[in-house]
Protein backbone atom coordinates (compact mmCIF):
# COMPACT_ATOMS: atom_id res chain seq x y z
CA MET A 1 -17.66 -19.31 -44.15
CA PRO A 2 -20.20 -22.63 -44.08
CA CYS A 3 -20.75 -24.47 -40.83
CA PRO A 4 -19.46 -27.79 -40.84
CA ALA A 5 -21.95 -30.47 -41.32
CA VAL A 6 -22.13 -34.23 -40.56
CA GLN A 7 -24.98 -36.49 -41.37
CA VAL A 8 -25.27 -39.74 -39.57
CA GLU A 9 -27.62 -42.54 -40.34
CA PRO A 10 -29.37 -44.25 -37.50
CA GLY A 11 -26.61 -46.85 -36.73
CA GLY A 12 -24.13 -44.41 -36.50
CA VAL A 13 -22.55 -44.35 -39.98
CA VAL A 14 -21.49 -41.62 -41.79
CA ARG A 15 -23.83 -40.67 -44.55
CA ALA A 16 -22.56 -37.24 -45.84
CA VAL A 17 -19.83 -34.73 -44.68
CA ASN A 18 -19.28 -31.06 -46.29
CA GLN A 19 -16.06 -29.55 -47.10
CA SER A 20 -15.92 -27.72 -43.64
CA ALA A 21 -16.07 -30.74 -41.68
CA GLN A 22 -13.54 -32.54 -43.89
CA ARG A 23 -11.24 -29.91 -42.87
CA LEU A 24 -12.24 -30.00 -39.27
CA PHE A 25 -12.26 -33.89 -38.89
CA PRO A 26 -9.56 -35.16 -41.59
CA ALA A 27 -10.70 -38.82 -40.25
CA VAL A 28 -14.30 -38.72 -41.15
CA ARG A 29 -15.27 -40.04 -44.36
CA THR A 30 -18.37 -41.52 -45.53
CA GLY A 31 -19.30 -45.32 -44.58
CA ALA A 32 -17.21 -44.95 -41.40
CA GLU A 33 -18.34 -45.50 -37.89
CA LEU A 34 -19.09 -42.04 -36.35
CA GLY A 35 -17.42 -43.09 -32.93
CA GLU A 36 -14.04 -44.29 -34.86
CA CYS A 37 -13.24 -41.33 -36.99
CA ALA A 38 -15.11 -38.15 -34.78
CA PRO A 39 -14.17 -36.72 -31.67
CA SER A 40 -15.64 -38.80 -28.54
CA TRP A 41 -17.63 -35.87 -27.41
CA LEU A 42 -19.65 -35.78 -31.09
CA ALA A 43 -20.12 -39.68 -31.14
CA GLU A 44 -21.74 -39.59 -27.52
CA ALA A 45 -24.00 -36.55 -28.54
CA ASN A 46 -25.05 -38.68 -31.44
CA ARG A 47 -26.31 -41.41 -29.14
CA ASP A 48 -28.49 -38.86 -27.26
CA PRO A 49 -29.47 -36.33 -29.77
CA GLY A 50 -31.60 -34.36 -26.89
CA ALA A 51 -28.58 -33.47 -24.79
CA HIS A 52 -26.46 -30.19 -25.22
CA ALA A 53 -23.05 -31.05 -27.35
CA GLY A 54 -19.90 -29.43 -27.79
CA GLY A 55 -16.19 -29.71 -27.24
CA TRP A 56 -12.61 -28.74 -28.15
CA VAL A 57 -10.96 -29.57 -31.31
CA ASP A 58 -7.23 -28.75 -31.05
CA GLU A 59 -7.52 -25.04 -29.87
CA ARG A 60 -10.99 -24.51 -31.27
CA SER A 61 -14.43 -24.91 -29.18
CA PHE A 62 -17.62 -26.00 -30.78
CA GLU A 63 -21.28 -26.34 -29.78
CA ALA A 64 -23.00 -29.36 -31.81
CA HIS A 65 -26.64 -28.78 -32.93
CA ALA A 66 -28.77 -31.77 -34.15
CA VAL A 67 -31.30 -31.70 -36.74
CA ARG A 68 -33.68 -34.89 -36.90
CA HIS A 69 -34.80 -36.11 -40.49
CA ASP A 70 -38.06 -38.20 -41.45
CA ASP A 71 -35.46 -41.13 -42.24
CA ASP A 72 -34.15 -41.04 -38.34
CA SER A 73 -30.64 -39.76 -39.75
CA THR A 74 -29.23 -36.80 -37.95
CA THR A 75 -27.21 -33.80 -39.15
CA TRP A 76 -24.63 -32.22 -36.97
CA TRP A 77 -24.08 -28.81 -37.53
CA LEU A 78 -21.00 -27.34 -35.53
CA VAL A 79 -20.65 -23.73 -34.66
CA GLU A 80 -17.40 -22.35 -33.18
CA ASP A 81 -17.95 -20.55 -29.89
CA THR A 82 -14.09 -20.53 -28.93
CA GLY A 83 -14.34 -16.87 -28.05
CA THR A 84 -17.57 -17.23 -25.86
CA GLN A 85 -15.46 -20.15 -24.15
CA ARG A 86 -12.34 -18.26 -23.64
CA ALA A 87 -14.24 -15.67 -22.01
CA ARG A 88 -16.37 -17.51 -19.81
CA GLU A 89 -12.86 -19.29 -18.56
CA ALA A 90 -11.42 -16.18 -18.24
CA LEU A 91 -14.29 -14.78 -16.15
CA ARG A 92 -14.40 -17.92 -14.05
CA LEU A 93 -10.58 -17.34 -13.38
CA GLU A 94 -10.83 -13.93 -12.64
CA ARG A 95 -13.73 -14.72 -9.93
CA ALA A 96 -11.49 -17.44 -8.66
CA ARG A 97 -8.31 -14.93 -8.46
CA ALA A 98 -10.82 -12.54 -6.94
CA GLU A 99 -12.15 -14.83 -3.95
CA PHE A 100 -8.34 -16.07 -3.60
CA LEU A 101 -7.43 -12.41 -3.14
CA THR A 102 -10.00 -11.64 -0.66
CA GLU A 103 -9.37 -14.86 1.55
CA ALA A 104 -5.83 -14.24 1.32
CA CYS A 105 -6.27 -10.45 2.52
CA THR A 106 -8.64 -11.27 5.25
CA ALA A 107 -6.25 -13.94 6.75
CA LEU A 108 -3.14 -11.47 6.22
CA LEU A 109 -4.95 -8.75 8.19
CA GLY A 110 -6.28 -10.96 10.61
CA SER A 111 -3.00 -10.64 12.42
CA LEU A 112 -0.41 -7.73 13.45
CA ASN A 113 2.22 -10.14 14.08
CA LEU A 114 4.83 -10.19 11.39
CA GLU A 115 6.13 -13.63 11.40
CA ARG A 116 2.18 -14.66 11.06
CA CYS A 117 1.88 -12.64 8.10
CA MET A 118 4.92 -14.01 6.46
CA GLU A 119 3.50 -17.65 7.53
CA VAL A 120 0.28 -16.80 5.64
CA ALA A 121 1.63 -15.26 2.59
CA ALA A 122 3.82 -18.21 2.18
CA GLU A 123 1.34 -20.73 2.75
CA ARG A 124 -1.37 -19.22 0.57
CA ALA A 125 1.27 -18.63 -2.27
CA ALA A 126 2.16 -22.29 -2.27
CA ALA A 127 -1.41 -23.35 -2.39
CA HIS A 128 -2.53 -21.21 -5.14
CA LEU A 129 0.40 -19.90 -7.15
CA ALA A 130 3.15 -22.56 -6.99
CA ASP A 131 4.47 -25.63 -5.72
CA ALA A 132 6.30 -24.16 -3.14
CA ALA A 133 7.11 -20.49 -1.86
CA LEU A 134 9.42 -18.40 0.10
CA VAL A 135 8.92 -15.06 1.80
CA ILE A 136 12.04 -13.04 2.68
CA ALA A 137 12.21 -10.32 4.99
CA PRO A 138 14.66 -7.53 4.99
CA GLY A 139 17.75 -8.62 6.88
CA THR A 140 20.97 -7.32 8.54
CA ARG A 141 24.38 -8.36 7.68
CA ARG A 142 23.34 -10.90 5.15
CA ARG A 143 21.19 -12.82 7.58
CA TYR A 144 17.53 -12.68 6.48
CA PRO A 145 14.49 -13.91 7.93
CA VAL A 146 12.98 -16.49 5.82
CA VAL A 147 9.63 -18.44 5.82
CA ARG A 148 9.40 -21.80 3.27
CA CYS A 149 6.39 -23.43 2.56
CA SER A 150 5.66 -26.46 0.21
CA ARG A 151 1.98 -27.11 -1.02
CA GLY A 152 0.06 -28.83 1.47
CA GLU A 153 2.87 -28.68 4.01
CA ARG A 154 3.30 -26.34 7.06
CA PRO A 155 5.16 -23.38 6.95
CA VAL A 156 8.83 -23.33 8.31
CA HIS A 157 10.91 -20.63 9.81
CA ALA A 158 14.48 -20.01 9.50
CA GLN A 159 17.36 -17.32 9.61
CA LEU A 160 19.61 -17.84 6.52
CA GLU A 161 22.73 -16.32 5.68
CA ILE A 162 22.63 -15.58 2.29
CA ASP A 163 23.84 -13.53 -0.80
CA PRO A 164 20.73 -12.30 -2.36
CA ASP A 165 22.71 -11.80 -5.66
CA GLU A 166 22.52 -15.81 -6.23
CA ILE A 167 19.38 -15.42 -7.60
CA PRO A 168 18.43 -12.86 -10.45
CA GLY A 169 16.44 -10.01 -9.03
CA LEU A 170 16.25 -10.96 -5.49
CA GLY A 171 18.56 -8.27 -4.37
CA GLU A 172 16.77 -5.84 -6.65
CA ALA A 173 13.33 -7.15 -5.03
CA LEU A 174 14.49 -7.01 -1.59
CA GLN A 175 15.29 -3.34 -2.35
CA GLY A 176 12.05 -2.63 -3.98
CA PHE A 177 12.74 -2.63 -7.41
CA PRO A 178 10.47 -4.14 -10.08
CA PRO A 179 10.85 -7.70 -10.78
CA VAL A 180 12.75 -9.46 -13.48
CA PRO A 181 10.79 -11.78 -15.86
CA SER A 182 11.00 -15.19 -14.78
CA ARG A 183 12.41 -16.46 -18.33
CA TRP A 184 15.79 -14.39 -17.06
CA ILE A 185 15.87 -16.92 -14.15
CA ASP A 186 17.90 -20.20 -14.98
CA PRO A 187 16.13 -22.95 -12.67
CA ALA A 188 19.52 -25.03 -12.76
CA THR A 189 21.25 -22.32 -10.84
CA ALA A 190 19.22 -22.16 -7.90
CA PRO A 191 21.08 -22.43 -4.77
CA ASP A 192 20.32 -25.05 -2.18
CA TRP A 193 19.16 -22.92 0.67
CA LEU A 194 16.09 -21.98 -2.05
CA LEU A 195 14.56 -25.32 -2.02
CA PRO A 196 12.42 -26.82 0.68
CA GLU A 197 13.63 -30.21 1.59
CA GLY A 198 12.77 -33.06 -0.92
CA PHE A 199 11.52 -30.51 -3.63
CA GLY A 200 13.40 -31.98 -6.57
CA GLU A 201 14.35 -30.45 -9.83
CA VAL A 202 12.99 -26.98 -10.31
CA GLY A 203 11.08 -26.27 -13.53
CA GLY A 204 10.37 -22.33 -12.80
CA ILE A 205 11.21 -19.49 -10.49
CA VAL A 206 9.45 -16.24 -10.08
CA VAL A 207 10.98 -13.39 -7.91
CA THR A 208 8.80 -10.51 -6.73
CA PRO A 209 9.02 -7.62 -4.49
CA LEU A 210 6.77 -7.17 -1.37
CA PRO A 211 5.88 -3.61 -1.44
CA GLY A 212 5.84 -1.80 1.90
CA HIS A 213 4.33 1.59 3.02
CA GLY A 214 7.54 3.78 2.59
CA MET A 215 9.82 0.95 2.45
CA PRO A 216 10.38 -2.58 1.03
CA ALA A 217 8.64 -5.30 3.18
CA GLY A 218 10.60 -8.26 1.71
CA ALA A 219 10.36 -10.34 -1.27
CA LEU A 220 8.42 -13.15 -2.53
CA ILE A 221 9.89 -16.49 -4.38
CA LEU A 222 7.78 -18.94 -5.98
CA LEU A 223 8.97 -22.31 -7.27
CA ARG A 224 7.61 -24.60 -9.72
CA ARG A 225 8.89 -28.44 -10.18
CA VAL A 226 10.21 -29.37 -13.70
CA ARG A 227 7.02 -31.27 -14.83
CA GLN A 228 4.78 -28.61 -14.36
CA PRO A 229 4.07 -25.76 -17.18
CA ALA A 230 6.40 -22.59 -16.91
CA PHE A 231 4.92 -19.49 -15.32
CA SER A 232 2.69 -17.70 -18.08
CA ASP A 233 2.98 -13.65 -18.03
CA ASP A 234 -0.51 -13.51 -16.70
CA GLU A 235 0.35 -15.90 -13.41
CA GLU A 236 3.56 -13.38 -13.00
CA ILE A 237 1.38 -10.29 -12.81
CA PHE A 238 -1.04 -12.00 -10.80
CA ALA A 239 1.82 -12.80 -8.29
CA ARG A 240 2.58 -9.46 -8.20
CA LEU A 241 -0.79 -8.55 -7.10
CA PHE A 242 -0.63 -10.98 -4.58
CA ALA A 243 2.69 -9.72 -3.50
CA SER A 244 1.32 -6.15 -3.11
CA ARG A 245 -1.34 -7.75 -0.94
CA SER A 246 1.20 -9.54 1.14
CA GLY A 247 3.70 -6.63 1.36
CA ALA A 248 1.22 -3.96 2.81
CA ALA A 249 0.52 -6.64 5.46
CA MET A 250 3.64 -7.19 6.44
CA SER A 251 4.48 -3.63 6.62
CA ALA A 252 1.51 -2.99 8.81
CA ALA A 253 2.85 -5.44 11.25
CA ARG A 254 6.12 -4.41 11.23
CA VAL A 255 4.89 -0.91 12.18
CA PHE A 256 2.72 -2.03 14.67
CA ALA A 257 5.20 -3.84 16.65
CA GLN A 258 7.76 -0.85 16.23
CA GLN A 259 5.28 1.15 17.68
CA ALA A 260 4.26 -1.05 20.38
CA SER A 261 7.86 -1.46 21.48
CA ILE A 262 7.90 2.45 21.75
CA THR A 263 4.64 2.60 23.56
CA GLU A 264 5.88 -0.23 26.19
CA THR A 265 9.42 1.66 26.79
CA LEU A 266 7.45 5.20 27.00
CA MET A 267 4.86 3.38 29.50
CA ARG A 268 7.72 2.35 31.89
CA ASP A 269 8.58 5.55 32.56
CA LEU A 270 4.92 6.95 32.36
CA LEU A 271 3.29 4.82 34.76
CA PRO A 272 3.16 5.07 38.70
CA PRO A 273 5.71 3.22 40.32
CA VAL A 274 5.13 0.57 42.78
CA LEU A 275 5.57 1.66 46.43
CA HIS A 276 6.76 0.00 49.59
CA GLN A 277 8.00 0.89 52.82
CA VAL A 278 10.78 3.61 52.64
CA ALA A 279 13.05 4.31 55.63
CA GLY A 280 10.40 3.13 58.40
CA VAL A 281 7.39 5.07 56.37
CA GLU A 282 4.28 3.13 54.68
CA PHE A 283 3.65 4.54 51.32
CA ALA A 284 0.74 2.83 49.15
CA GLY A 285 -0.65 4.29 45.71
CA ALA A 286 -3.33 3.29 43.25
CA TYR A 287 -4.17 5.00 39.87
CA ARG A 288 -7.29 4.44 37.70
CA PRO A 289 -7.01 6.41 34.20
CA SER A 290 -10.20 8.09 33.02
CA GLN A 291 -10.46 5.22 30.26
CA ASP A 292 -10.18 1.61 31.18
CA SER A 293 -8.51 1.24 27.71
CA GLU A 294 -5.48 3.48 28.70
CA HIS A 295 -3.07 2.82 30.66
CA VAL A 296 -1.62 6.77 31.46
CA GLY A 297 -3.24 9.87 31.97
CA GLY A 298 -2.52 13.01 33.84
CA ASP A 299 -2.84 11.97 37.29
CA PHE A 300 0.55 10.84 38.95
CA TYR A 301 2.27 9.84 42.16
CA ASP A 302 5.99 9.10 42.87
CA VAL A 303 7.95 8.52 46.11
CA HIS A 304 11.60 9.53 46.30
CA PRO A 305 13.95 8.03 49.20
CA GLY A 306 16.08 10.56 50.66
CA VAL A 307 19.72 10.26 51.75
CA ASP A 308 19.12 11.80 55.09
CA GLY A 309 15.75 9.26 55.65
CA GLU A 310 13.50 11.85 54.69
CA SER A 311 11.57 10.63 51.62
CA LEU A 312 9.36 13.12 49.02
CA ALA A 313 6.09 11.82 48.06
CA VAL A 314 4.47 13.89 45.46
CA LEU A 315 0.85 13.69 44.01
CA GLY A 316 -0.25 15.58 41.19
CA ASP A 317 -2.89 16.39 38.57
CA VAL A 318 -2.26 17.66 35.33
CA CYS A 319 -4.97 19.38 33.31
CA GLY A 320 -6.42 17.05 30.60
CA LYS A 321 -6.40 13.37 29.99
CA GLY A 322 -5.32 10.74 27.96
CA LEU A 323 -1.49 10.51 26.45
CA GLU A 324 -1.17 14.11 25.72
CA ALA A 325 -1.72 14.83 29.69
CA ALA A 326 0.64 12.06 30.34
CA VAL A 327 3.43 13.08 27.94
CA LEU A 328 3.36 16.57 30.36
CA THR A 329 3.03 14.24 33.39
CA GLY A 330 6.65 12.53 32.41
CA LYS A 331 8.14 16.00 31.95
CA ILE A 332 7.17 17.17 35.49
CA ARG A 333 7.81 14.11 37.06
CA ASN A 334 11.52 14.17 35.35
CA THR A 335 12.07 17.83 36.49
CA LEU A 336 10.91 17.12 40.18
CA GLN A 337 13.44 14.22 40.12
CA ALA A 338 16.00 16.78 38.96
CA LEU A 339 15.10 18.76 41.92
CA LEU A 340 15.54 16.59 44.66
CA PRO A 341 18.57 17.93 45.93
CA MET A 342 16.16 21.01 47.00
CA ALA A 343 13.79 18.76 48.59
CA ASP A 344 14.35 20.58 52.02
CA ASP A 345 12.61 23.79 50.37
CA HIS A 346 9.04 22.73 49.11
CA LYS A 347 8.54 26.40 47.88
CA ARG A 348 12.05 26.77 46.03
CA MET A 349 11.10 23.33 44.09
CA LEU A 350 7.65 24.69 43.29
CA GLU A 351 9.13 27.95 41.88
CA LEU A 352 11.58 26.35 39.62
CA LEU A 353 9.05 23.68 38.30
CA ASN A 354 6.63 26.78 37.89
CA GLY A 355 9.27 28.63 35.87
CA SER A 356 10.08 25.69 33.61
CA LEU A 357 6.58 25.20 33.05
CA VAL A 358 5.62 28.85 32.35
CA ASN A 359 8.63 29.07 29.93
CA SER A 360 7.51 26.33 27.68
CA HIS A 361 5.02 26.09 24.88
CA ASP A 362 2.63 24.02 26.59
CA THR A 363 -0.65 25.68 27.98
CA ARG A 364 -1.56 23.29 30.50
CA PHE A 365 -1.00 23.52 34.02
CA VAL A 366 -0.62 21.17 37.08
CA THR A 367 -1.89 21.10 40.47
CA LEU A 368 0.04 18.93 43.00
CA VAL A 369 1.29 18.27 46.60
CA LEU A 370 4.63 17.70 48.13
CA ALA A 371 5.21 15.45 51.04
CA SER A 372 8.37 14.99 53.01
CA ALA A 373 8.14 12.05 55.27
CA ALA A 374 10.53 10.80 57.95
CA ARG A 375 11.04 8.41 60.63
CA HIS A 376 10.77 10.48 64.08
CA GLY A 377 10.37 8.23 67.06
CA GLY A 378 7.57 5.85 67.04
CA GLY A 379 5.66 8.03 64.61
CA VAL A 380 6.30 9.79 61.13
CA ARG A 381 6.79 13.65 60.94
CA LEU A 382 5.46 15.29 57.73
CA ARG A 383 5.99 18.48 55.95
CA LEU A 384 3.23 19.17 53.21
CA THR A 385 2.71 21.68 50.65
CA SER A 386 -0.06 22.20 48.49
CA ALA A 387 0.22 23.89 44.93
CA GLY A 388 -3.37 24.63 43.94
CA HIS A 389 -4.35 21.23 44.94
CA LEU A 390 -6.71 19.41 47.18
CA PRO A 391 -5.32 19.69 50.73
CA PRO A 392 -4.23 16.16 52.13
CA LEU A 393 -6.44 14.43 54.77
CA ILE A 394 -5.16 13.18 58.02
CA VAL A 395 -6.84 9.88 59.62
CA ARG A 396 -6.10 9.91 63.42
CA ALA A 397 -5.73 6.84 65.60
CA ASN A 398 -9.32 7.70 66.90
CA GLY A 399 -11.06 7.84 63.63
CA HIS A 400 -10.82 11.52 63.65
CA VAL A 401 -10.46 13.08 59.95
CA GLU A 402 -8.66 16.53 59.53
CA GLU A 403 -7.71 18.64 56.70
CA ALA A 404 -3.69 19.76 56.51
CA GLU A 405 -3.50 23.64 56.47
CA THR A 406 -1.43 24.23 53.57
CA ALA A 407 -2.56 25.71 50.33
CA GLY A 408 -1.19 27.41 47.20
CA THR A 409 -1.57 28.49 43.61
CA LEU A 410 -1.54 26.45 40.52
CA VAL A 411 1.85 25.54 38.73
CA GLY A 412 2.66 27.07 35.40
CA VAL A 413 -0.03 29.63 34.99
CA LEU A 414 1.22 32.79 36.75
CA PRO A 415 4.86 34.17 36.74
CA GLN A 416 5.12 33.71 40.65
CA ILE A 417 3.44 31.44 43.02
CA GLN A 418 2.43 31.14 46.58
CA ALA A 419 2.35 28.08 48.87
CA SER A 420 2.15 27.53 52.62
CA THR A 421 3.49 24.47 53.93
CA ALA A 422 1.96 22.57 57.19
CA GLU A 423 3.76 20.29 59.55
CA VAL A 424 2.15 17.35 60.63
CA THR A 425 3.15 14.44 62.98
CA LEU A 426 1.32 11.04 62.53
CA ALA A 427 1.28 8.69 65.49
CA PRO A 428 1.87 4.90 64.98
CA GLY A 429 -1.30 3.56 62.99
CA GLU A 430 -2.01 7.21 61.38
CA THR A 431 -2.30 8.10 57.70
CA CYS A 432 -1.97 11.19 55.59
CA LEU A 433 -3.98 10.52 52.24
CA LEU A 434 -3.19 12.65 49.18
CA TYR A 435 -5.80 12.02 46.09
CA THR A 436 -6.66 13.99 43.03
CA ASP A 437 -10.24 15.52 42.14
CA GLY A 438 -11.16 12.26 40.18
CA ILE A 439 -12.15 10.60 43.64
CA THR A 440 -14.48 13.39 45.02
CA GLU A 441 -15.93 14.48 41.70
CA ALA A 442 -16.81 11.09 40.60
CA ARG A 443 -20.52 11.10 39.76
CA GLY A 444 -22.84 8.05 40.07
CA GLY A 445 -24.18 6.54 43.24
CA PRO A 446 -27.95 5.52 43.60
CA LEU A 447 -29.14 7.86 40.69
CA GLY A 448 -26.37 7.75 38.39
CA ASP A 449 -25.41 11.53 39.01
CA GLY A 450 -24.44 12.09 42.28
CA MET A 451 -20.98 13.56 43.17
CA TYR A 452 -19.02 11.13 45.40
CA GLY A 453 -17.89 14.31 47.54
CA GLU A 454 -15.25 15.25 50.37
CA GLU A 455 -17.98 14.13 53.20
CA ARG A 456 -17.99 10.58 51.89
CA LEU A 457 -14.26 10.42 51.45
CA ARG A 458 -14.10 11.32 55.13
CA ARG A 459 -16.45 9.00 56.23
CA ALA A 460 -14.41 6.38 54.39
CA LEU A 461 -11.43 7.23 55.88
CA ALA A 462 -12.60 7.69 59.40
CA GLU A 463 -13.75 3.54 58.99
CA CYS A 464 -9.84 2.92 57.81
CA CYS A 465 -8.06 4.46 61.02
CA GLY A 466 -5.39 1.90 62.07
CA MET A 467 -5.02 0.47 58.70
CA PRO A 468 -1.93 -0.18 56.86
CA ALA A 469 -1.01 2.08 54.17
CA GLU A 470 -2.23 -0.53 51.06
CA ALA A 471 -5.51 -1.42 52.90
CA VAL A 472 -6.45 2.35 53.06
CA VAL A 473 -5.70 3.03 49.46
CA GLU A 474 -7.87 -0.28 48.31
CA ARG A 475 -10.76 0.89 50.38
CA VAL A 476 -10.71 4.28 48.85
CA GLN A 477 -10.34 3.24 45.66
CA MET A 478 -12.82 0.66 45.76
CA LEU A 479 -15.57 2.77 47.04
CA ALA A 480 -14.96 5.44 44.34
CA SER A 481 -14.92 2.62 41.82
CA GLN A 482 -18.33 1.55 42.84
CA TRP A 483 -19.79 4.80 43.27
CA VAL A 484 -18.89 5.47 39.49
CA GLY A 485 -20.04 2.06 38.44
CA ARG A 486 -20.12 2.14 34.46
CA ASN A 487 -20.40 6.01 34.38
CA SER A 488 -17.35 8.05 32.80
CA HIS A 489 -14.80 9.54 35.32
CA ASP A 490 -11.71 11.62 35.42
CA ASP A 491 -8.57 10.11 36.34
CA MET A 492 -8.21 8.83 39.83
CA ALA A 493 -5.13 8.45 42.06
CA VAL A 494 -4.60 7.99 45.80
CA LEU A 495 -1.50 8.01 47.76
CA ALA A 496 -1.40 7.09 51.39
CA ILE A 497 1.33 7.77 53.93
CA THR A 498 1.44 5.66 57.18
CA ALA A 499 3.39 5.59 60.30
CA PRO A 500 3.72 1.51 60.95
CA ARG A 501 2.46 0.54 64.48
CA GLY A 502 5.01 -0.97 66.72
CA GLN A 503 8.94 -0.51 67.09
CA HIS A 504 11.19 -0.51 64.07
CA LEU A 505 13.71 -3.59 63.82
CA THR A 506 16.66 -1.95 62.76
CA ALA A 507 19.00 -5.35 63.40
CA VAL A 508 17.14 -7.02 60.26
CA GLY A 509 17.42 -3.87 58.16
CA GLY A 510 14.22 -2.43 58.99
CA HIS A 511 13.27 -1.78 54.90
CA GLY A 512 10.65 -4.13 53.96
CA ARG A 513 7.16 -5.06 55.35
CA GLY A 514 7.09 -6.83 58.57
CA ARG A 515 10.05 -5.46 60.08
CA TYR A 516 8.16 -3.91 62.86
CA THR A 517 6.92 -5.30 66.07
CA ALA A 518 3.35 -5.33 67.35
């Protein structure tokens, strides 16, 4: 098929036009002004033949090429490039969509908060895909969390009591079923709750599921005003692609929130307790896990008040580190709490605990110290039993540090265990310190690889004579941490039992700090 051609005189009058050009431009005729009968882009090009020219005629695109003649007339040859232009436009659109998806994914994954993910999804959808968007999360008893957003406005949260079946495809989308075509949804039937305030008449609605990890994350609804073009099939497909990204982010945020809630609940039982005075005896403890990013590990301590005024303190060290060791720690702490009625017989408690660990599938073991403490006159009477653990250290009022004469075997290894109990009396101001090997085996110091050791611990304790339990614990923990510096270390736990100075003020209860005379 010959190319359309139009010959134009220097003054802009049409001199000749071939049949192809006549069919393309029915108004173009010989002797007429080009600017009056041809498209404006061709008339503009005729004024500057050296410039690139081209434009659209109905749904066809043409490039115009000028050929100058000796008499200064110009013949314009028109070459159709509709396919090329549409390919370029498709490429531009795909690049824009890819950039949009990349930016949206970055924003969605920038937060593991479900409400924030819903806000981002609604805001991005309203800005790029529709005039307004709603993100609906799964609900209970017909109450659904919803985020609405109109283009250029801030997202708005709401809890709506709705019937999803009011909108075709919404109930199915919330269950994760494929979307229905937008042409199946009559905009005139849109319920009032669907429309943002001041939105006006709806011209088009798209409902698409938000796929999640193993279960639906919700549904995305796109709205266009009546004056806007209807959603095309291509736009609906792209909306589903955006919805899949949004659903994945929302699902991840929901899983993270659930895991964080579970972790917080478990941590409350695994974390060491806050200690205080119990029945006239001072208790203080401190714990530092092997990794500063962790909260729990294999070292633990507890203090259980007794009905007869004798409290049971426990400090232990489970083999291993991190969460796995912490899980066994929780089991041991619960078992010991169940055995509290036998607290007057340390060896019997240890035998029962040993039996429960030996008969379990866990191959880990534990070392621990049991300390029964009761107010006795002005001091504190202690019964100390070590099971494979470092013996407690006693800090006397004169600064002398001595070792409690108790020893025993590991718990959870052998069918039978051996343990001996030492009885110690603390005078006012004296302290018994229970500690794990994370303190004495901490490596650091001036050369970076020296072990803190028991001798340094004894010297530090000698300087703590007469101090309250809290001060002793803080001093030991601070010195060990300074020695370690930035080096890796094992879990560290210390528990101090101190006989308070002064007499007990029974008239005011005597169960809190400051309840003793000087």
